[in-house]
Protein backbone atom coordinates (compact mmCIF):
# COMPACT_ATOMS: atom_id res chain seq x y z
CA MET A 1 0.00 0.00 0.00
CA ARG A 2 1.25 3.50 -0.71
CA GLY A 3 1.72 5.92 2.11
CA ALA A 4 -0.57 8.85 2.69
CA LYS A 5 0.39 12.38 1.77
CA THR A 6 2.10 14.13 4.64
CA PRO A 7 0.56 16.15 6.07
CA LEU A 8 -2.96 14.99 5.38
CA ASP A 9 -5.55 17.49 4.12
CA HIS A 10 -8.11 16.13 6.57
CA GLU A 11 -8.27 15.32 10.27
CA PRO A 12 -8.94 11.56 10.52
CA GLU A 13 -10.48 11.81 14.00
CA ALA A 14 -12.83 14.56 12.83
CA VAL A 15 -14.10 12.40 9.96
CA THR A 16 -14.78 9.53 12.37
CA TYR A 17 -16.49 11.83 14.87
CA ALA A 18 -18.69 13.45 12.21
CA ARG A 19 -19.64 10.03 10.82
CA GLU A 20 -20.59 8.74 14.25
CA GLN A 21 -22.56 11.91 15.04
CA ALA A 22 -24.44 11.48 11.76
CA GLY A 23 -25.34 7.94 12.87
CA PHE A 24 -23.59 6.13 10.01
CA THR A 25 -21.40 3.06 10.04
CA LYS A 26 -18.37 3.09 7.76
CA THR A 27 -20.23 0.66 5.52
CA GLU A 28 -23.30 2.91 5.29
CA LEU A 29 -21.22 6.02 4.57
CA ALA A 30 -19.28 4.19 1.85
CA ARG A 31 -22.53 3.01 0.27
CA ARG A 32 -24.05 6.51 0.37
CA LEU A 33 -20.92 7.98 -1.26
CA GLY A 34 -20.58 5.15 -3.78
CA VAL A 35 -17.04 4.30 -2.69
CA ALA A 36 -15.34 1.24 -1.27
CA LEU A 37 -15.49 0.61 2.48
CA SER A 38 -11.69 0.36 2.40
CA LEU A 39 -11.46 4.00 1.24
CA ILE A 40 -13.50 5.24 4.21
CA SER A 41 -11.42 3.07 6.56
CA GLN A 42 -8.16 4.42 5.11
CA ILE A 43 -9.35 8.04 5.35
CA GLU A 44 -10.42 7.57 8.97
CA SER A 45 -7.18 5.82 9.93
CA GLY A 46 -5.02 8.43 8.18
CA ASP A 47 -3.55 5.86 5.78
CA ARG A 48 -4.97 7.73 2.78
CA ASN A 49 -5.51 11.39 2.09
CA ALA A 50 -9.01 12.66 1.35
CA THR A 51 -9.00 14.66 -1.87
CA PRO A 52 -10.64 18.10 -1.91
CA SER A 53 -13.53 16.57 -3.84
CA MET A 54 -13.91 13.76 -1.29
CA LEU A 55 -13.83 16.28 1.57
CA ASN A 56 -16.70 18.14 -0.11
CA ARG A 57 -18.66 14.92 -0.55
CA LEU A 58 -18.02 13.81 3.04
CA ALA A 59 -19.06 17.19 4.43
CA ARG A 60 -22.27 17.19 2.38
CA GLU A 61 -23.20 13.62 3.34
CA LEU A 62 -22.30 14.12 7.02
CA ASN A 63 -24.12 17.47 7.11
CA CYS A 64 -21.17 19.34 8.55
CA PRO A 65 -18.98 22.21 7.34
CA ARG A 66 -15.95 21.09 5.34
CA VAL A 67 -13.70 23.11 7.65
CA VAL A 68 -14.61 20.73 10.50
CA LEU A 69 -13.03 17.86 8.54
CA GLU A 70 -9.95 19.73 7.36
CA ARG A 71 -6.57 19.49 9.05
CA LYS A 72 -5.80 22.60 11.05
CA ARG A 73 -2.55 24.12 9.86
CA CYS A 74 -0.17 26.25 11.88
CA GLY A 75 1.20 29.33 10.18
CA ASP A 76 -1.76 29.98 7.90
CA ARG A 77 -2.13 33.46 9.35
CA ASP A 78 0.41 36.22 9.46
CA ASP A 79 1.22 36.26 13.17
CA THR A 80 4.08 38.67 12.59
CA ALA A 81 1.89 41.65 11.68
CA LYS A 82 2.77 44.70 13.74
CA VAL A 83 0.15 46.65 15.64
CA PRO A 84 0.58 50.40 15.11
CA ALA A 85 1.92 52.17 18.19
C-alpha cells in the first residue's frame, strides 16, 4: 500500500467523529458515497488522504462544514503583523 500524503488534508479523527454523530457506520457512509469501504477506513485511519472533492462529498453527506473535517494548519495566518503604536 502506498503511504498517505504528509501532512494529510483532513483530520482523521474529525471524519470519524462526524460520521458517528451522523449515525452512520463506515459501511453505510461508503454506500451513500458510492465508494469502497476500504477507502473510508483508510481516510479515517489516516492511511490515505481525502481529496478536496472527497472532503466536499463527506461534508455534504455528514451534514457538517468542510472546515470541520480539514486538518488545522499552523502558520496559515500572518502572526508577525505589527500593531501600530
